[in-house]
Amino acid sequence: INKTISIHKKIANVKHIDKSDFCIRNI
């Protein structure tokens, strides 16, 4: 009952997320 949706982009470094990446707009 708990789903996620994304573009399945590989996150290179989960410790330092790229805050200039707006790929969420492509969903």
PDB file of all heavy atoms in Angstrom:
ATOM      1  N   ILE A   1       0.807  -1.228   0.000  1.00  0.00           N
ATOM      2  CA  ILE A   1       0.000   0.000   0.000  1.00  0.00           C
ATOM      3  C   ILE A   1       0.841   1.280   0.000  1.00  0.00           C
ATOM      4  O   ILE A   1       0.293   2.374  -0.110  1.00  0.00           O
ATOM      5  CB  ILE A   1      -0.973   0.041   1.200  1.00  0.00           C
ATOM      6  CG1 ILE A   1      -0.204   0.067   2.531  1.00  0.00           C
ATOM      7  CG2 ILE A   1      -1.949  -1.122   1.142  1.00  0.00           C
ATOM      8  CD1 ILE A   1      -1.085   0.369   3.727  1.00  0.00           C
ATOM      9  N   ASN A   2       2.148   1.142   0.124  1.00  0.00           N
ATOM     10  CA  ASN A   2       3.033   2.318   0.126  1.00  0.00           C
ATOM     11  C   ASN A   2       3.953   2.240  -1.080  1.00  0.00           C
ATOM     12  O   ASN A   2       4.849   1.389  -1.141  1.00  0.00           O
ATOM     13  CB  ASN A   2       3.849   2.378   1.417  1.00  0.00           C
ATOM     14  CG  ASN A   2       2.981   2.406   2.664  1.00  0.00           C
ATOM     15  OD1 ASN A   2       2.938   1.443   3.416  1.00  0.00           O
ATOM     16  ND2 ASN A   2       2.256   3.486   2.864  1.00  0.00           N
ATOM     17  N   LYS A   3       3.708   3.115  -2.055  1.00  0.00           N
ATOM     18  CA  LYS A   3       4.425   3.067  -3.319  1.00  0.00           C
ATOM     19  C   LYS A   3       5.316   4.295  -3.496  1.00  0.00           C
ATOM     20  O   LYS A   3       5.080   5.350  -2.903  1.00  0.00           O
ATOM     21  CB  LYS A   3       3.429   2.999  -4.479  1.00  0.00           C
ATOM     22  CG  LYS A   3       2.433   1.844  -4.388  1.00  0.00           C
ATOM     23  CD  LYS A   3       3.127   0.488  -4.408  1.00  0.00           C
ATOM     24  CE  LYS A   3       2.110  -0.646  -4.391  1.00  0.00           C
ATOM     25  NZ  LYS A   3       2.776  -1.979  -4.384  1.00  0.00           N
ATOM     26  N   THR A   4       6.332   4.141  -4.318  1.00  0.00           N
ATOM     27  CA  THR A   4       7.173   5.270  -4.707  1.00  0.00           C
ATOM     28  C   THR A   4       7.166   5.378  -6.227  1.00  0.00           C
ATOM     29  O   THR A   4       6.906   4.396  -6.929  1.00  0.00           O
ATOM     30  CB  THR A   4       8.628   5.099  -4.227  1.00  0.00           C
ATOM     31  OG1 THR A   4       9.209   3.963  -4.879  1.00  0.00           O
ATOM     32  CG2 THR A   4       8.702   4.927  -2.723  1.00  0.00           C
ATOM     33  N   ILE A   5       7.445   6.579  -6.705  1.00  0.00           N
ATOM     34  CA  ILE A   5       7.571   6.775  -8.144  1.00  0.00           C
ATOM     35  C   ILE A   5       8.751   7.702  -8.394  1.00  0.00           C
ATOM     36  O   ILE A   5       8.950   8.688  -7.682  1.00  0.00           O
ATOM     37  CB  ILE A   5       6.273   7.332  -8.757  1.00  0.00           C
ATOM     38  CG1 ILE A   5       6.360   7.340 -10.287  1.00  0.00           C
ATOM     39  CG2 ILE A   5       5.919   8.713  -8.200  1.00  0.00           C
ATOM     40  CD1 ILE A   5       5.011   7.502 -10.972  1.00  0.00           C
ATOM     41  N   SER A   6       9.559   7.360  -9.376  1.00  0.00           N
ATOM     42  CA  SER A   6      10.738   8.155  -9.707  1.00  0.00           C
ATOM     43  C   SER A   6      11.105   7.866 -11.158  1.00  0.00           C
ATOM     44  O   SER A   6      10.453   7.060 -11.828  1.00  0.00           O
ATOM     45  CB  SER A   6      11.913   7.799  -8.792  1.00  0.00           C
ATOM     46  OG  SER A   6      12.400   6.500  -9.099  1.00  0.00           O
ATOM     47  N   ILE A   7      12.167   8.497 -11.641  1.00  0.00           N
ATOM     48  CA  ILE A   7      12.642   8.188 -12.993  1.00  0.00           C
ATOM     49  C   ILE A   7      13.769   7.159 -12.932  1.00  0.00           C
ATOM     50  O   ILE A   7      14.440   6.896 -13.926  1.00  0.00           O
ATOM     51  CB  ILE A   7      13.108   9.449 -13.737  1.00  0.00           C
ATOM     52  CG1 ILE A   7      14.269  10.123 -12.995  1.00  0.00           C
ATOM     53  CG2 ILE A   7      11.962  10.423 -13.926  1.00  0.00           C
ATOM     54  CD1 ILE A   7      14.932  11.211 -13.814  1.00  0.00           C
ATOM     55  N   HIS A   8      13.962   6.582 -11.724  1.00  0.00           N
ATOM     56  CA  HIS A   8      14.965   5.533 -11.506  1.00  0.00           C
ATOM     57  C   HIS A   8      16.366   5.991 -11.916  1.00  0.00           C
ATOM     58  O   HIS A   8      17.146   5.228 -12.497  1.00  0.00           O
ATOM     59  CB  HIS A   8      14.586   4.253 -12.252  1.00  0.00           C
ATOM     60  CG  HIS A   8      13.295   3.674 -11.774  1.00  0.00           C
ATOM     61  ND1 HIS A   8      13.177   3.006 -10.582  1.00  0.00           N
ATOM     62  CD2 HIS A   8      12.055   3.689 -12.330  1.00  0.00           C
ATOM     63  CE1 HIS A   8      11.928   2.609 -10.419  1.00  0.00           C
ATOM     64  NE2 HIS A   8      11.223   3.017 -11.458  1.00  0.00           N
ATOM     65  N   LYS A   9      16.648   7.231 -11.599  1.00  0.00           N
ATOM     66  CA  LYS A   9      17.977   7.761 -11.889  1.00  0.00           C
ATOM     67  C   LYS A   9      18.968   7.232 -10.867  1.00  0.00           C
ATOM     68  O   LYS A   9      18.690   7.197  -9.661  1.00  0.00           O
ATOM     69  CB  LYS A   9      17.940   9.295 -11.835  1.00  0.00           C
ATOM     70  CG  LYS A   9      19.274   9.949 -12.136  1.00  0.00           C
ATOM     71  CD  LYS A   9      19.132  11.466 -12.210  1.00  0.00           C
ATOM     72  CE  LYS A   9      20.459  12.105 -12.572  1.00  0.00           C
ATOM     73  NZ  LYS A   9      20.324  13.582 -12.728  1.00  0.00           N
ATOM     74  N   LYS A  10      20.131   6.832 -11.304  1.00  0.00           N
ATOM     75  CA  LYS A  10      21.150   6.351 -10.386  1.00  0.00           C
ATOM     76  C   LYS A  10      21.757   7.552  -9.664  1.00  0.00           C
ATOM     77  O   LYS A  10      22.270   8.478 -10.278  1.00  0.00           O
ATOM     78  CB  LYS A  10      22.236   5.585 -11.141  1.00  0.00           C
ATOM     79  CG  LYS A  10      23.304   5.001 -10.220  1.00  0.00           C
ATOM     80  CD  LYS A  10      24.254   4.108 -10.982  1.00  0.00           C
ATOM     81  CE  LYS A  10      25.375   3.586 -10.090  1.00  0.00           C
ATOM     82  NZ  LYS A  10      24.870   2.830  -8.935  1.00  0.00           N
ATOM     83  N   ILE A  11      21.673   7.515  -8.342  1.00  0.00           N
ATOM     84  CA  ILE A  11      22.233   8.594  -7.528  1.00  0.00           C
ATOM     85  C   ILE A  11      23.686   8.251  -7.228  1.00  0.00           C
ATOM     86  O   ILE A  11      23.967   7.275  -6.525  1.00  0.00           O
ATOM     87  CB  ILE A  11      21.441   8.776  -6.221  1.00  0.00           C
ATOM     88  CG1 ILE A  11      19.938   8.877  -6.500  1.00  0.00           C
ATOM     89  CG2 ILE A  11      21.948   9.988  -5.446  1.00  0.00           C
ATOM     90  CD1 ILE A  11      19.529  10.068  -7.308  1.00  0.00           C
ATOM     91  N   ALA A  12      24.585   9.020  -7.764  1.00  0.00           N
ATOM     92  CA  ALA A  12      26.016   8.695  -7.659  1.00  0.00           C
ATOM     93  C   ALA A  12      26.517   8.729  -6.221  1.00  0.00           C
ATOM     94  O   ALA A  12      27.292   7.865  -5.802  1.00  0.00           O
ATOM     95  CB  ALA A  12      26.825   9.667  -8.520  1.00  0.00           C
ATOM     96  N   ASN A  13      26.082   9.715  -5.447  1.00  0.00           N
ATOM     97  CA  ASN A  13      26.578   9.870  -4.075  1.00  0.00           C
ATOM     98  C   ASN A  13      25.415  10.278  -3.182  1.00  0.00           C
ATOM     99  O   ASN A  13      25.015  11.434  -3.153  1.00  0.00           O
ATOM    100  CB  ASN A  13      27.678  10.929  -4.034  1.00  0.00           C
ATOM    101  CG  ASN A  13      28.344  11.017  -2.663  1.00  0.00           C
ATOM    102  OD1 ASN A  13      27.872  10.433  -1.684  1.00  0.00           O
ATOM    103  ND2 ASN A  13      29.438  11.751  -2.594  1.00  0.00           N
ATOM    104  N   VAL A  14      24.865   9.322  -2.436  1.00  0.00           N
ATOM    105  CA  VAL A  14      23.688   9.606  -1.611  1.00  0.00           C
ATOM    106  C   VAL A  14      24.021  10.490  -0.417  1.00  0.00           C
ATOM    107  O   VAL A  14      23.110  11.031   0.228  1.00  0.00           O
ATOM    108  CB  VAL A  14      23.015   8.301  -1.127  1.00  0.00           C
ATOM    109  CG1 VAL A  14      22.511   7.490  -2.305  1.00  0.00           C
ATOM    110  CG2 VAL A  14      23.957   7.475  -0.267  1.00  0.00           C
ATOM    111  N   LYS A  15      25.300  10.640  -0.103  1.00  0.00           N
ATOM    112  CA  LYS A  15      25.688  11.535   0.994  1.00  0.00           C
ATOM    113  C   LYS A  15      25.629  12.997   0.570  1.00  0.00           C
ATOM    114  O   LYS A  15      25.496  13.895   1.405  1.00  0.00           O
ATOM    115  CB  LYS A  15      27.101  11.207   1.482  1.00  0.00           C
ATOM    116  CG  LYS A  15      27.227   9.900   2.238  1.00  0.00           C
ATOM    117  CD  LYS A  15      28.634   9.747   2.814  1.00  0.00           C
ATOM    118  CE  LYS A  15      28.769   8.432   3.579  1.00  0.00           C
ATOM    119  NZ  LYS A  15      30.122   8.294   4.186  1.00  0.00           N
ATOM    120  N   HIS A  16      25.742  13.235  -0.718  1.00  0.00           N
ATOM    121  CA  HIS A  16      25.755  14.609  -1.224  1.00  0.00           C
ATOM    122  C   HIS A  16      24.830  14.701  -2.441  1.00  0.00           C
ATOM    123  O   HIS A  16      25.261  14.521  -3.578  1.00  0.00           O
ATOM    124  CB  HIS A  16      27.181  15.038  -1.579  1.00  0.00           C
ATOM    125  CG  HIS A  16      28.138  14.950  -0.428  1.00  0.00           C
ATOM    126  ND1 HIS A  16      28.156  15.870   0.594  1.00  0.00           N
ATOM    127  CD2 HIS A  16      29.089  14.019  -0.131  1.00  0.00           C
ATOM    128  CE1 HIS A  16      29.088  15.530   1.474  1.00  0.00           C
ATOM    129  NE2 HIS A  16      29.663  14.416   1.066  1.00  0.00           N
ATOM    130  N   ILE A  17      23.567  14.990  -2.173  1.00  0.00           N
ATOM    131  CA  ILE A  17      22.561  15.073  -3.225  1.00  0.00           C
ATOM    132  C   ILE A  17      22.736  16.367  -4.013  1.00  0.00           C
ATOM    133  O   ILE A  17      22.959  17.439  -3.442  1.00  0.00           O
ATOM    134  CB  ILE A  17      21.148  15.013  -2.619  1.00  0.00           C
ATOM    135  CG1 ILE A  17      20.953  13.696  -1.860  1.00  0.00           C
ATOM    136  CG2 ILE A  17      20.093  15.171  -3.693  1.00  0.00           C
ATOM    137  CD1 ILE A  17      21.075  12.458  -2.699  1.00  0.00           C
ATOM    138  N   ASP A  18      22.622  16.258  -5.317  1.00  0.00           N
ATOM    139  CA  ASP A  18      22.736  17.426  -6.190  1.00  0.00           C
ATOM    140  C   ASP A  18      21.432  18.231  -6.145  1.00  0.00           C
ATOM    141  O   ASP A  18      20.427  17.840  -6.726  1.00  0.00           O
ATOM    142  CB  ASP A  18      23.024  16.967  -7.630  1.00  0.00           C
ATOM    143  CG  ASP A  18      23.203  18.129  -8.598  1.00  0.00           C
ATOM    144  OD1 ASP A  18      23.151  19.301  -8.155  1.00  0.00           O
ATOM    145  OD2 ASP A  18      23.389  17.863  -9.801  1.00  0.00           O
ATOM    146  N   LYS A  19      21.465  19.366  -5.456  1.00  0.00           N
ATOM    147  CA  LYS A  19      20.252  20.166  -5.276  1.00  0.00           C
ATOM    148  C   LYS A  19      19.895  20.973  -6.516  1.00  0.00           C
ATOM    149  O   LYS A  19      18.857  21.635  -6.554  1.00  0.00           O
ATOM    150  CB  LYS A  19      20.403  21.082  -4.064  1.00  0.00           C
ATOM    151  CG  LYS A  19      20.467  20.318  -2.741  1.00  0.00           C
ATOM    152  CD  LYS A  19      20.510  21.249  -1.552  1.00  0.00           C
ATOM    153  CE  LYS A  19      20.547  20.446  -0.251  1.00  0.00           C
ATOM    154  NZ  LYS A  19      20.570  21.332   0.945  1.00  0.00           N
ATOM    155  N   SER A  20      20.735  20.910  -7.530  1.00  0.00           N
ATOM    156  CA  SER A  20      20.420  21.584  -8.795  1.00  0.00           C
ATOM    157  C   SER A  20      19.775  20.634  -9.800  1.00  0.00           C
ATOM    158  O   SER A  20      19.469  21.018 -10.919  1.00  0.00           O
ATOM    159  CB  SER A  20      21.696  22.195  -9.404  1.00  0.00           C
ATOM    160  OG  SER A  20      22.604  21.166  -9.795  1.00  0.00           O
ATOM    161  N   ASP A  21      19.584  19.390  -9.378  1.00  0.00           N
ATOM    162  CA  ASP A  21      18.992  18.370 -10.240  1.00  0.00           C
ATOM    163  C   ASP A  21      17.474  18.358 -10.044  1.00  0.00           C
ATOM    164  O   ASP A  21      16.977  17.957  -8.996  1.00  0.00           O
ATOM    165  CB  ASP A  21      19.586  17.006  -9.900  1.00  0.00           C
ATOM    166  CG  ASP A  21      19.084  15.896 -10.821  1.00  0.00           C
ATOM    167  OD1 ASP A  21      18.146  16.145 -11.600  1.00  0.00           O
ATOM    168  OD2 ASP A  21      19.641  14.784 -10.756  1.00  0.00           O
ATOM    169  N   PHE A  22      16.733  18.797 -11.063  1.00  0.00           N
ATOM    170  CA  PHE A  22      15.276  18.864 -10.987  1.00  0.00           C
ATOM    171  C   PHE A  22      14.621  17.782 -11.853  1.00  0.00           C
ATOM    172  O   PHE A  22      13.595  18.017 -12.491  1.00  0.00           O
ATOM    173  CB  PHE A  22      14.794  20.255 -11.415  1.00  0.00           C
ATOM    174  CG  PHE A  22      15.051  21.322 -10.389  1.00  0.00           C
ATOM    175  CD1 PHE A  22      16.286  21.946 -10.315  1.00  0.00           C
ATOM    176  CD2 PHE A  22      14.075  21.673  -9.471  1.00  0.00           C
ATOM    177  CE1 PHE A  22      16.532  22.927  -9.360  1.00  0.00           C
ATOM    178  CE2 PHE A  22      14.312  22.643  -8.510  1.00  0.00           C
ATOM    179  CZ  PHE A  22      15.540  23.287  -8.449  1.00  0.00           C
ATOM    180  N   CYS A  23      15.202  16.593 -11.829  1.00  0.00           N
ATOM    181  CA  CYS A  23      14.667  15.497 -12.638  1.00  0.00           C
ATOM    182  C   CYS A  23      13.255  15.095 -12.222  1.00  0.00           C
ATOM    183  O   CYS A  23      12.541  14.425 -12.991  1.00  0.00           O
ATOM    184  CB  CYS A  23      15.596  14.290 -12.585  1.00  0.00           C
ATOM    185  SG  CYS A  23      15.842  13.600 -10.929  1.00  0.00           S
ATOM    186  N   ILE A  24      12.827  15.501 -11.041  1.00  0.00           N
ATOM    187  CA  ILE A  24      11.465  15.186 -10.583  1.00  0.00           C
ATOM    188  C   ILE A  24      10.431  15.735 -11.558  1.00  0.00           C
ATOM    189  O   ILE A  24       9.321  15.211 -11.678  1.00  0.00           O
ATOM    190  CB  ILE A  24      11.233  15.741  -9.156  1.00  0.00           C
ATOM    191  CG1 ILE A  24       9.968  15.129  -8.540  1.00  0.00           C
ATOM    192  CG2 ILE A  24      11.164  17.275  -9.148  1.00  0.00           C
ATOM    193  CD1 ILE A  24       9.797  15.424  -7.062  1.00  0.00           C
ATOM    194  N   ARG A  25      10.793  16.778 -12.298  1.00  0.00           N
ATOM    195  CA  ARG A  25       9.871  17.392 -13.253  1.00  0.00           C
ATOM    196  C   ARG A  25       9.557  16.473 -14.430  1.00  0.00           C
ATOM    197  O   ARG A  25       8.599  16.709 -15.170  1.00  0.00           O
ATOM    198  CB  ARG A  25      10.468  18.704 -13.773  1.00  0.00           C
ATOM    199  CG  ARG A  25      10.652  19.767 -12.685  1.00  0.00           C
ATOM    200  CD  ARG A  25      11.417  20.967 -13.213  1.00  0.00           C
ATOM    201  NE  ARG A  25      11.569  22.008 -12.200  1.00  0.00           N
ATOM    202  CZ  ARG A  25      12.329  23.091 -12.334  1.00  0.00           C
ATOM    203  NH1 ARG A  25      13.011  23.275 -13.474  1.00  0.00           N
ATOM    204  NH2 ARG A  25      12.401  23.997 -11.375  1.00  0.00           N
ATOM    205  N   ASN A  26      10.374  15.436 -14.613  1.00  0.00           N
ATOM    206  CA  ASN A  26      10.193  14.528 -15.750  1.00  0.00           C
ATOM    207  C   ASN A  26       9.217  13.387 -15.466  1.00  0.00           C
ATOM    208  O   ASN A  26       8.927  12.584 -16.356  1.00  0.00           O
ATOM    209  CB  ASN A  26      11.546  13.952 -16.175  1.00  0.00           C
ATOM    210  CG  ASN A  26      12.524  15.022 -16.627  1.00  0.00           C
ATOM    211  OD1 ASN A  26      12.119  16.023 -17.220  1.00  0.00           O
ATOM    212  ND2 ASN A  26      13.801  14.831 -16.340  1.00  0.00           N
ATOM    213  N   ILE A  27       8.734  13.305 -14.259  1.00  0.00           N
ATOM    214  CA  ILE A  27       7.791  12.237 -13.921  1.00  0.00           C
ATOM    215  C   ILE A  27       6.413  12.584 -14.480  1.00  0.00           C
ATOM    216  O   ILE A  27       5.896  13.685 -14.275  1.00  0.00           O
ATOM    217  CB  ILE A  27       7.724  12.033 -12.395  1.00  0.00           C
ATOM    218  CG1 ILE A  27       9.093  11.559 -11.874  1.00  0.00           C
ATOM    219  CG2 ILE A  27       6.637  11.031 -12.022  1.00  0.00           C
ATOM    220  CD1 ILE A  27       9.184  11.501 -10.371  1.00  0.00           C
TER     221      ILE A  27
END
